[in-house]
mmCIF file of all heavy atoms, coordinates in Angstrom:
data_MODEL
# 
_entry.id   MODEL 
# 
loop_
_atom_site.group_PDB 
_atom_site.id 
_atom_site.type_symbol 
_atom_site.label_atom_id 
_atom_site.label_alt_id 
_atom_site.label_comp_id 
_atom_site.label_asym_id 
_atom_site.label_entity_id 
_atom_site.label_seq_id 
_atom_site.pdbx_PDB_ins_code 
_atom_site.Cartn_x 
_atom_site.Cartn_y 
_atom_site.Cartn_z 
_atom_site.occupancy 
_atom_site.B_iso_or_equiv 
_atom_site.pdbx_formal_charge 
_atom_site.auth_seq_id 
_atom_site.auth_comp_id 
_atom_site.auth_asym_id 
_atom_site.auth_atom_id 
_atom_site.pdbx_PDB_model_num 
ATOM 1   N N   . ALA A 1 1  ? 9.315   -16.072 2.545   1.00 0.00 ? 1  ALA A N   1 
ATOM 2   C CA  . ALA A 1 1  ? 9.078   -14.808 1.830   1.00 0.00 ? 1  ALA A CA  1 
ATOM 3   C C   . ALA A 1 1  ? 7.720   -14.212 2.196   1.00 0.00 ? 1  ALA A C   1 
ATOM 4   O O   . ALA A 1 1  ? 7.051   -13.589 1.368   1.00 0.00 ? 1  ALA A O   1 
ATOM 5   C CB  . ALA A 1 1  ? 9.185   -15.008 0.316   1.00 0.00 ? 1  ALA A CB  1 
ATOM 6   N N   . CYS A 1 2  ? 7.311   -14.401 3.458   1.00 0.00 ? 2  CYS A N   1 
ATOM 7   C CA  . CYS A 1 2  ? 5.995   -13.919 3.904   1.00 0.00 ? 2  CYS A CA  1 
ATOM 8   C C   . CYS A 1 2  ? 5.976   -12.423 4.169   1.00 0.00 ? 2  CYS A C   1 
ATOM 9   O O   . CYS A 1 2  ? 4.913   -11.796 4.176   1.00 0.00 ? 2  CYS A O   1 
ATOM 10  C CB  . CYS A 1 2  ? 5.569   -14.675 5.163   1.00 0.00 ? 2  CYS A CB  1 
ATOM 11  S SG  . CYS A 1 2  ? 6.618   -14.372 6.602   1.00 0.00 ? 2  CYS A SG  1 
ATOM 12  N N   . GLY A 1 3  ? 7.147   -11.837 4.431   1.00 0.00 ? 3  GLY A N   1 
ATOM 13  C CA  . GLY A 1 3  ? 7.219   -10.405 4.708   1.00 0.00 ? 3  GLY A CA  1 
ATOM 14  C C   . GLY A 1 3  ? 6.933   -10.021 6.141   1.00 0.00 ? 3  GLY A C   1 
ATOM 15  O O   . GLY A 1 3  ? 6.861   -8.831  6.454   1.00 0.00 ? 3  GLY A O   1 
ATOM 16  N N   . ASN A 1 4  ? 6.768   -11.004 7.035   1.00 0.00 ? 4  ASN A N   1 
ATOM 17  C CA  . ASN A 1 4  ? 6.516   -10.668 8.439   1.00 0.00 ? 4  ASN A CA  1 
ATOM 18  C C   . ASN A 1 4  ? 7.601   -9.761  9.005   1.00 0.00 ? 4  ASN A C   1 
ATOM 19  O O   . ASN A 1 4  ? 7.318   -8.818  9.738   1.00 0.00 ? 4  ASN A O   1 
ATOM 20  C CB  . ASN A 1 4  ? 6.437   -11.943 9.286   1.00 0.00 ? 4  ASN A CB  1 
ATOM 21  C CG  . ASN A 1 4  ? 5.027   -12.458 9.435   1.00 0.00 ? 4  ASN A CG  1 
ATOM 22  O OD1 . ASN A 1 4  ? 4.156   -12.101 8.663   1.00 0.00 ? 4  ASN A OD1 1 
ATOM 23  N ND2 . ASN A 1 4  ? 4.809   -13.304 10.422  1.00 0.00 ? 4  ASN A ND2 1 
ATOM 24  N N   . CYS A 1 5  ? 8.861   -10.060 8.675   1.00 0.00 ? 5  CYS A N   1 
ATOM 25  C CA  . CYS A 1 5  ? 9.967   -9.284  9.238   1.00 0.00 ? 5  CYS A CA  1 
ATOM 26  C C   . CYS A 1 5  ? 9.876   -7.822  8.840   1.00 0.00 ? 5  CYS A C   1 
ATOM 27  O O   . CYS A 1 5  ? 10.159  -6.923  9.641   1.00 0.00 ? 5  CYS A O   1 
ATOM 28  C CB  . CYS A 1 5  ? 11.306  -9.888  8.823   1.00 0.00 ? 5  CYS A CB  1 
ATOM 29  S SG  . CYS A 1 5  ? 11.490  -10.153 7.046   1.00 0.00 ? 5  CYS A SG  1 
ATOM 30  N N   . THR A 1 6  ? 9.468   -7.561  7.604   1.00 0.00 ? 6  THR A N   1 
ATOM 31  C CA  . THR A 1 6  ? 9.376   -6.172  7.153   1.00 0.00 ? 6  THR A CA  1 
ATOM 32  C C   . THR A 1 6  ? 8.163   -5.462  7.752   1.00 0.00 ? 6  THR A C   1 
ATOM 33  O O   . THR A 1 6  ? 8.196   -4.243  7.952   1.00 0.00 ? 6  THR A O   1 
ATOM 34  C CB  . THR A 1 6  ? 9.316   -6.092  5.620   1.00 0.00 ? 6  THR A CB  1 
ATOM 35  O OG1 . THR A 1 6  ? 8.154   -6.776  5.154   1.00 0.00 ? 6  THR A OG1 1 
ATOM 36  C CG2 . THR A 1 6  ? 10.537  -6.719  4.987   1.00 0.00 ? 6  THR A CG2 1 
ATOM 37  N N   . GLN A 1 7  ? 7.097   -6.206  8.035   1.00 0.00 ? 7  GLN A N   1 
ATOM 38  C CA  . GLN A 1 7  ? 5.902   -5.594  8.608   1.00 0.00 ? 7  GLN A CA  1 
ATOM 39  C C   . GLN A 1 7  ? 6.115   -5.174  10.063  1.00 0.00 ? 7  GLN A C   1 
ATOM 40  O O   . GLN A 1 7  ? 5.572   -4.160  10.511  1.00 0.00 ? 7  GLN A O   1 
ATOM 41  C CB  . GLN A 1 7  ? 4.716   -6.558  8.514   1.00 0.00 ? 7  GLN A CB  1 
ATOM 42  C CG  . GLN A 1 7  ? 4.291   -6.884  7.097   1.00 0.00 ? 7  GLN A CG  1 
ATOM 43  C CD  . GLN A 1 7  ? 3.874   -5.660  6.312   1.00 0.00 ? 7  GLN A CD  1 
ATOM 44  O OE1 . GLN A 1 7  ? 2.907   -4.983  6.657   1.00 0.00 ? 7  GLN A OE1 1 
ATOM 45  N NE2 . GLN A 1 7  ? 4.594   -5.356  5.238   1.00 0.00 ? 7  GLN A NE2 1 
ATOM 46  N N   . VAL A 1 8  ? 6.887   -5.961  10.828  1.00 0.00 ? 8  VAL A N   1 
ATOM 47  C CA  . VAL A 1 8  ? 7.106   -5.628  12.237  1.00 0.00 ? 8  VAL A CA  1 
ATOM 48  C C   . VAL A 1 8  ? 8.362   -4.793  12.448  1.00 0.00 ? 8  VAL A C   1 
ATOM 49  O O   . VAL A 1 8  ? 8.585   -4.282  13.552  1.00 0.00 ? 8  VAL A O   1 
ATOM 50  C CB  . VAL A 1 8  ? 7.182   -6.906  13.113  1.00 0.00 ? 8  VAL A CB  1 
ATOM 51  C CG1 . VAL A 1 8  ? 5.886   -7.683  13.035  1.00 0.00 ? 8  VAL A CG1 1 
ATOM 52  C CG2 . VAL A 1 8  ? 8.372   -7.783  12.729  1.00 0.00 ? 8  VAL A CG2 1 
ATOM 53  N N   . CYS A 1 9  ? 9.174   -4.632  11.410  1.00 0.00 ? 9  CYS A N   1 
ATOM 54  C CA  . CYS A 1 9  ? 10.395  -3.839  11.545  1.00 0.00 ? 9  CYS A CA  1 
ATOM 55  C C   . CYS A 1 9  ? 10.043  -2.366  11.730  1.00 0.00 ? 9  CYS A C   1 
ATOM 56  O O   . CYS A 1 9  ? 9.231   -1.818  10.991  1.00 0.00 ? 9  CYS A O   1 
ATOM 57  C CB  . CYS A 1 9  ? 11.272  -4.006  10.303  1.00 0.00 ? 9  CYS A CB  1 
ATOM 58  S SG  . CYS A 1 9  ? 12.773  -2.987  10.358  1.00 0.00 ? 9  CYS A SG  1 
ATOM 59  N N   . PRO A 1 10 ? 10.655  -1.683  12.692  1.00 0.00 ? 10 PRO A N   1 
ATOM 60  C CA  . PRO A 1 10 ? 10.322  -0.270  12.938  1.00 0.00 ? 10 PRO A CA  1 
ATOM 61  C C   . PRO A 1 10 ? 10.972  0.695   11.961  1.00 0.00 ? 10 PRO A C   1 
ATOM 62  O O   . PRO A 1 10 ? 10.698  1.895   12.015  1.00 0.00 ? 10 PRO A O   1 
ATOM 63  C CB  . PRO A 1 10 ? 10.832  -0.038  14.357  1.00 0.00 ? 10 PRO A CB  1 
ATOM 64  C CG  . PRO A 1 10 ? 11.999  -0.967  14.484  1.00 0.00 ? 10 PRO A CG  1 
ATOM 65  C CD  . PRO A 1 10 ? 11.609  -2.202  13.707  1.00 0.00 ? 10 PRO A CD  1 
ATOM 66  N N   . THR A 1 11 ? 11.853  0.194   11.074  1.00 0.00 ? 11 THR A N   1 
ATOM 67  C CA  . THR A 1 11 ? 12.535  1.106   10.159  1.00 0.00 ? 11 THR A CA  1 
ATOM 68  C C   . THR A 1 11 ? 12.229  0.847   8.691   1.00 0.00 ? 11 THR A C   1 
ATOM 69  O O   . THR A 1 11 ? 12.461  1.726   7.859   1.00 0.00 ? 11 THR A O   1 
ATOM 70  C CB  . THR A 1 11 ? 14.070  1.038   10.344  1.00 0.00 ? 11 THR A CB  1 
ATOM 71  O OG1 . THR A 1 11 ? 14.531  -0.275  10.000  1.00 0.00 ? 11 THR A OG1 1 
ATOM 72  C CG2 . THR A 1 11 ? 14.463  1.357   11.773  1.00 0.00 ? 11 THR A CG2 1 
ATOM 73  N N   . CYS A 1 12 ? 11.723  -0.325  8.319   1.00 0.00 ? 12 CYS A N   1 
ATOM 74  C CA  . CYS A 1 12 ? 11.430  -0.605  6.906   1.00 0.00 ? 12 CYS A CA  1 
ATOM 75  C C   . CYS A 1 12 ? 10.456  0.434   6.357   1.00 0.00 ? 12 CYS A C   1 
ATOM 76  O O   . CYS A 1 12 ? 9.488   0.803   7.027   1.00 0.00 ? 12 CYS A O   1 
ATOM 77  C CB  . CYS A 1 12 ? 10.831  -2.006  6.753   1.00 0.00 ? 12 CYS A CB  1 
ATOM 78  S SG  . CYS A 1 12 ? 12.067  -3.328  6.698   1.00 0.00 ? 12 CYS A SG  1 
ATOM 79  N N   . PHE A 1 13 ? 10.698  0.863   5.130   1.00 0.00 ? 13 PHE A N   1 
ATOM 80  C CA  . PHE A 1 13 ? 9.879   1.950   4.592   1.00 0.00 ? 13 PHE A CA  1 
ATOM 81  C C   . PHE A 1 13 ? 9.414   1.703   3.153   1.00 0.00 ? 13 PHE A C   1 
ATOM 82  O O   . PHE A 1 13 ? 8.900   2.613   2.498   1.00 0.00 ? 13 PHE A O   1 
ATOM 83  C CB  . PHE A 1 13 ? 10.646  3.278   4.651   1.00 0.00 ? 13 PHE A CB  1 
ATOM 84  C CG  . PHE A 1 13 ? 11.934  3.282   3.854   1.00 0.00 ? 13 PHE A CG  1 
ATOM 85  C CD1 . PHE A 1 13 ? 11.945  3.647   2.515   1.00 0.00 ? 13 PHE A CD1 1 
ATOM 86  C CD2 . PHE A 1 13 ? 13.129  2.925   4.451   1.00 0.00 ? 13 PHE A CD2 1 
ATOM 87  C CE1 . PHE A 1 13 ? 13.125  3.658   1.786   1.00 0.00 ? 13 PHE A CE1 1 
ATOM 88  C CE2 . PHE A 1 13 ? 14.318  2.923   3.737   1.00 0.00 ? 13 PHE A CE2 1 
ATOM 89  C CZ  . PHE A 1 13 ? 14.315  3.292   2.394   1.00 0.00 ? 13 PHE A CZ  1 
ATOM 90  N N   . CYS A 1 14 ? 9.552   0.484   2.643   1.00 0.00 ? 14 CYS A N   1 
ATOM 91  C CA  . CYS A 1 14 ? 9.108   0.215   1.274   1.00 0.00 ? 14 CYS A CA  1 
ATOM 92  C C   . CYS A 1 14 ? 7.607   0.465   1.152   1.00 0.00 ? 14 CYS A C   1 
ATOM 93  O O   . CYS A 1 14 ? 6.830   0.145   2.051   1.00 0.00 ? 14 CYS A O   1 
ATOM 94  C CB  . CYS A 1 14 ? 9.407   -1.231  0.884   1.00 0.00 ? 14 CYS A CB  1 
ATOM 95  S SG  . CYS A 1 14 ? 11.152  -1.526  0.511   1.00 0.00 ? 14 CYS A SG  1 
ATOM 96  N N   . SER A 1 15 ? 7.216   1.016   0.018   1.00 0.00 ? 15 SER A N   1 
ATOM 97  C CA  . SER A 1 15 ? 5.804   1.278   -0.226  1.00 0.00 ? 15 SER A CA  1 
ATOM 98  C C   . SER A 1 15 ? 5.508   1.134   -1.701  1.00 0.00 ? 15 SER A C   1 
ATOM 99  O O   . SER A 1 15 ? 6.412   1.087   -2.545  1.00 0.00 ? 15 SER A O   1 
ATOM 100 C CB  . SER A 1 15 ? 5.414   2.684   0.256   1.00 0.00 ? 15 SER A CB  1 
ATOM 101 O OG  . SER A 1 15 ? 6.094   3.672   -0.510  1.00 0.00 ? 15 SER A OG  1 
ATOM 102 N N   . SER A 1 16 ? 4.235   1.053   -2.022  1.00 0.00 ? 16 SER A N   1 
ATOM 103 C CA  . SER A 1 16 ? 3.776   1.060   -3.407  1.00 0.00 ? 16 SER A CA  1 
ATOM 104 C C   . SER A 1 16 ? 2.570   1.982   -3.489  1.00 0.00 ? 16 SER A C   1 
ATOM 105 O O   . SER A 1 16 ? 2.003   2.374   -2.463  1.00 0.00 ? 16 SER A O   1 
ATOM 106 C CB  . SER A 1 16 ? 3.409   -0.354  -3.880  1.00 0.00 ? 16 SER A CB  1 
ATOM 107 O OG  . SER A 1 16 ? 2.344   -0.866  -3.108  1.00 0.00 ? 16 SER A OG  1 
ATOM 108 N N   . THR A 1 17 ? 2.181   2.338   -4.687  1.00 0.00 ? 17 THR A N   1 
ATOM 109 C CA  . THR A 1 17 ? 1.033   3.227   -4.868  1.00 0.00 ? 17 THR A CA  1 
ATOM 110 C C   . THR A 1 17 ? 0.001   2.568   -5.773  1.00 0.00 ? 17 THR A C   1 
ATOM 111 O O   . THR A 1 17 ? 0.326   1.747   -6.635  1.00 0.00 ? 17 THR A O   1 
ATOM 112 C CB  . THR A 1 17 ? 1.455   4.575   -5.469  1.00 0.00 ? 17 THR A CB  1 
ATOM 113 O OG1 . THR A 1 17 ? 2.116   4.355   -6.724  1.00 0.00 ? 17 THR A OG1 1 
ATOM 114 C CG2 . THR A 1 17 ? 2.382   5.318   -4.526  1.00 0.00 ? 17 THR A CG2 1 
ATOM 115 N N   . ARG A 1 18 ? -1.244  2.914   -5.527  1.00 0.00 ? 18 ARG A N   1 
ATOM 116 C CA  . ARG A 1 18 ? -2.358  2.402   -6.308  1.00 0.00 ? 18 ARG A CA  1 
ATOM 117 C C   . ARG A 1 18 ? -3.339  3.549   -6.562  1.00 0.00 ? 18 ARG A C   1 
ATOM 118 O O   . ARG A 1 18 ? -3.433  4.492   -5.781  1.00 0.00 ? 18 ARG A O   1 
ATOM 119 C CB  . ARG A 1 18 ? -3.098  1.277   -5.567  1.00 0.00 ? 18 ARG A CB  1 
ATOM 120 C CG  . ARG A 1 18 ? -2.260  0.060   -5.230  1.00 0.00 ? 18 ARG A CG  1 
ATOM 121 C CD  . ARG A 1 18 ? -1.975  -0.796  -6.451  1.00 0.00 ? 18 ARG A CD  1 
ATOM 122 N NE  . ARG A 1 18 ? -1.366  -2.066  -6.067  1.00 0.00 ? 18 ARG A NE  1 
ATOM 123 C CZ  . ARG A 1 18 ? -0.066  -2.235  -5.855  1.00 0.00 ? 18 ARG A CZ  1 
ATOM 124 N NH1 . ARG A 1 18 ? 0.761   -1.200  -5.946  1.00 0.00 ? 18 ARG A NH1 1 
ATOM 125 N NH2 . ARG A 1 18 ? 0.419   -3.423  -5.541  1.00 0.00 ? 18 ARG A NH2 1 
ATOM 126 N N   . GLU A 1 19 ? -4.102  3.440   -7.628  1.00 0.00 ? 19 GLU A N   1 
ATOM 127 C CA  . GLU A 1 19 ? -5.156  4.397   -7.913  1.00 0.00 ? 19 GLU A CA  1 
ATOM 128 C C   . GLU A 1 19 ? -6.495  3.756   -7.587  1.00 0.00 ? 19 GLU A C   1 
ATOM 129 O O   . GLU A 1 19 ? -6.811  2.677   -8.105  1.00 0.00 ? 19 GLU A O   1 
ATOM 130 C CB  . GLU A 1 19 ? -5.145  4.820   -9.387  1.00 0.00 ? 19 GLU A CB  1 
ATOM 131 C CG  . GLU A 1 19 ? -3.774  5.191   -9.946  1.00 0.00 ? 19 GLU A CG  1 
ATOM 132 C CD  . GLU A 1 19 ? -3.104  6.312   -9.187  1.00 0.00 ? 19 GLU A CD  1 
ATOM 133 O OE1 . GLU A 1 19 ? -3.820  7.155   -8.625  1.00 0.00 ? 19 GLU A OE1 1 
ATOM 134 O OE2 . GLU A 1 19 ? -1.858  6.336   -9.141  1.00 0.00 ? 19 GLU A OE2 1 
ATOM 135 N N   . HIS A 1 20 ? -7.261  4.374   -6.694  1.00 0.00 ? 20 HIS A N   1 
ATOM 136 C CA  . HIS A 1 20 ? -8.604  3.904   -6.371  1.00 0.00 ? 20 HIS A CA  1 
ATOM 137 C C   . HIS A 1 20 ? -9.609  4.771   -7.125  1.00 0.00 ? 20 HIS A C   1 
ATOM 138 O O   . HIS A 1 20 ? -9.678  5.985   -6.923  1.00 0.00 ? 20 HIS A O   1 
ATOM 139 C CB  . HIS A 1 20 ? -8.851  3.993   -4.865  1.00 0.00 ? 20 HIS A CB  1 
ATOM 140 C CG  . HIS A 1 20 ? -8.092  2.963   -4.089  1.00 0.00 ? 20 HIS A CG  1 
ATOM 141 N ND1 . HIS A 1 20 ? -8.287  2.743   -2.740  1.00 0.00 ? 20 HIS A ND1 1 
ATOM 142 C CD2 . HIS A 1 20 ? -7.136  2.074   -4.458  1.00 0.00 ? 20 HIS A CD2 1 
ATOM 143 C CE1 . HIS A 1 20 ? -7.492  1.782   -2.325  1.00 0.00 ? 20 HIS A CE1 1 
ATOM 144 N NE2 . HIS A 1 20 ? -6.772  1.370   -3.345  1.00 0.00 ? 20 HIS A NE2 1 
ATOM 145 N N   . VAL A 1 21 ? -10.396 4.106   -7.967  1.00 0.00 ? 21 VAL A N   1 
ATOM 146 C CA  . VAL A 1 21 ? -11.340 4.830   -8.817  1.00 0.00 ? 21 VAL A CA  1 
ATOM 147 C C   . VAL A 1 21 ? -12.741 4.746   -8.237  1.00 0.00 ? 21 VAL A C   1 
ATOM 148 O O   . VAL A 1 21 ? -13.200 3.656   -7.843  1.00 0.00 ? 21 VAL A O   1 
ATOM 149 C CB  . VAL A 1 21 ? -11.337 4.257   -10.244 1.00 0.00 ? 21 VAL A CB  1 
ATOM 150 C CG1 . VAL A 1 21 ? -12.345 5.000   -11.126 1.00 0.00 ? 21 VAL A CG1 1 
ATOM 151 C CG2 . VAL A 1 21 ? -9.941  4.324   -10.849 1.00 0.00 ? 21 VAL A CG2 1 
ATOM 152 N N   . ASN A 1 22 ? -13.402 5.882   -8.137  1.00 0.00 ? 22 ASN A N   1 
ATOM 153 C CA  . ASN A 1 22 ? -14.804 5.944   -7.731  1.00 0.00 ? 22 ASN A CA  1 
ATOM 154 C C   . ASN A 1 22 ? -15.657 5.948   -9.003  1.00 0.00 ? 22 ASN A C   1 
ATOM 155 O O   . ASN A 1 22 ? -15.732 6.964   -9.701  1.00 0.00 ? 22 ASN A O   1 
ATOM 156 C CB  . ASN A 1 22 ? -15.056 7.206   -6.910  1.00 0.00 ? 22 ASN A CB  1 
ATOM 157 C CG  . ASN A 1 22 ? -16.498 7.330   -6.443  1.00 0.00 ? 22 ASN A CG  1 
ATOM 158 O OD1 . ASN A 1 22 ? -17.376 6.603   -6.905  1.00 0.00 ? 22 ASN A OD1 1 
ATOM 159 N ND2 . ASN A 1 22 ? -16.750 8.255   -5.533  1.00 0.00 ? 22 ASN A ND2 1 
ATOM 160 N N   . PRO A 1 23 ? -16.302 4.812   -9.321  1.00 0.00 ? 23 PRO A N   1 
ATOM 161 C CA  . PRO A 1 23 ? -17.037 4.739   -10.597 1.00 0.00 ? 23 PRO A CA  1 
ATOM 162 C C   . PRO A 1 23 ? -18.290 5.607   -10.621 1.00 0.00 ? 23 PRO A C   1 
ATOM 163 O O   . PRO A 1 23 ? -18.833 5.872   -11.689 1.00 0.00 ? 23 PRO A O   1 
ATOM 164 C CB  . PRO A 1 23 ? -17.393 3.254   -10.703 1.00 0.00 ? 23 PRO A CB  1 
ATOM 165 C CG  . PRO A 1 23 ? -17.427 2.775   -9.290  1.00 0.00 ? 23 PRO A CG  1 
ATOM 166 C CD  . PRO A 1 23 ? -16.382 3.556   -8.567  1.00 0.00 ? 23 PRO A CD  1 
ATOM 167 N N   . VAL A 1 24 ? -18.738 6.047   -9.456  1.00 0.00 ? 24 VAL A N   1 
ATOM 168 C CA  . VAL A 1 24 ? -19.937 6.883   -9.403  1.00 0.00 ? 24 VAL A CA  1 
ATOM 169 C C   . VAL A 1 24 ? -19.561 8.353   -9.580  1.00 0.00 ? 24 VAL A C   1 
ATOM 170 O O   . VAL A 1 24 ? -20.066 9.052   -10.459 1.00 0.00 ? 24 VAL A O   1 
ATOM 171 C CB  . VAL A 1 24 ? -20.706 6.678   -8.083  1.00 0.00 ? 24 VAL A CB  1 
ATOM 172 C CG1 . VAL A 1 24 ? -21.912 7.608   -8.028  1.00 0.00 ? 24 VAL A CG1 1 
ATOM 173 C CG2 . VAL A 1 24 ? -21.133 5.220   -7.931  1.00 0.00 ? 24 VAL A CG2 1 
ATOM 174 N N   . GLY A 1 25 ? -18.647 8.811   -8.716  1.00 0.00 ? 25 GLY A N   1 
ATOM 175 C CA  . GLY A 1 25 ? -18.247 10.215  -8.798  1.00 0.00 ? 25 GLY A CA  1 
ATOM 176 C C   . GLY A 1 25 ? -17.167 10.482  -9.818  1.00 0.00 ? 25 GLY A C   1 
ATOM 177 O O   . GLY A 1 25 ? -16.780 11.633  -10.043 1.00 0.00 ? 25 GLY A O   1 
ATOM 178 N N   . LEU A 1 26 ? -16.636 9.388   -10.424 1.00 0.00 ? 26 LEU A N   1 
ATOM 179 C CA  . LEU A 1 26 ? -15.596 9.499   -11.445 1.00 0.00 ? 26 LEU A CA  1 
ATOM 180 C C   . LEU A 1 26 ? -14.345 10.199  -10.918 1.00 0.00 ? 26 LEU A C   1 
ATOM 181 O O   . LEU A 1 26 ? -13.625 10.857  -11.676 1.00 0.00 ? 26 LEU A O   1 
ATOM 182 C CB  . LEU A 1 26 ? -16.127 10.227  -12.698 1.00 0.00 ? 26 LEU A CB  1 
ATOM 183 C CG  . LEU A 1 26 ? -17.322 9.558   -13.388 1.00 0.00 ? 26 LEU A CG  1 
ATOM 184 C CD1 . LEU A 1 26 ? -17.739 10.371  -14.601 1.00 0.00 ? 26 LEU A CD1 1 
ATOM 185 C CD2 . LEU A 1 26 ? -17.011 8.127   -13.769 1.00 0.00 ? 26 LEU A CD2 1 
ATOM 186 N N   . GLY A 1 27 ? -14.088 10.055  -9.628  1.00 0.00 ? 27 GLY A N   1 
ATOM 187 C CA  . GLY A 1 27 ? -12.874 10.592  -9.037  1.00 0.00 ? 27 GLY A CA  1 
ATOM 188 C C   . GLY A 1 27 ? -11.835 9.498   -8.873  1.00 0.00 ? 27 GLY A C   1 
ATOM 189 O O   . GLY A 1 27 ? -12.153 8.311   -8.833  1.00 0.00 ? 27 GLY A O   1 
ATOM 190 N N   . VAL A 1 28 ? -10.598 9.891   -8.790  1.00 0.00 ? 28 VAL A N   1 
ATOM 191 C CA  . VAL A 1 28 ? -9.490  8.953   -8.610  1.00 0.00 ? 28 VAL A CA  1 
ATOM 192 C C   . VAL A 1 28 ? -8.664  9.394   -7.410  1.00 0.00 ? 28 VAL A C   1 
ATOM 193 O O   . VAL A 1 28 ? -8.299  10.573  -7.316  1.00 0.00 ? 28 VAL A O   1 
ATOM 194 C CB  . VAL A 1 28 ? -8.592  8.891   -9.859  1.00 0.00 ? 28 VAL A CB  1 
ATOM 195 C CG1 . VAL A 1 28 ? -7.420  7.946   -9.617  1.00 0.00 ? 28 VAL A CG1 1 
ATOM 196 C CG2 . VAL A 1 28 ? -9.387  8.449   -11.075 1.00 0.00 ? 28 VAL A CG2 1 
# 
């Protein structure tokens, strides 16, 4: 379940999203 196959596959398209917070500028 390492995910190597999905990383090298030219068609896999799964993704996730994250919020990166800038604690100085208070932007996200």
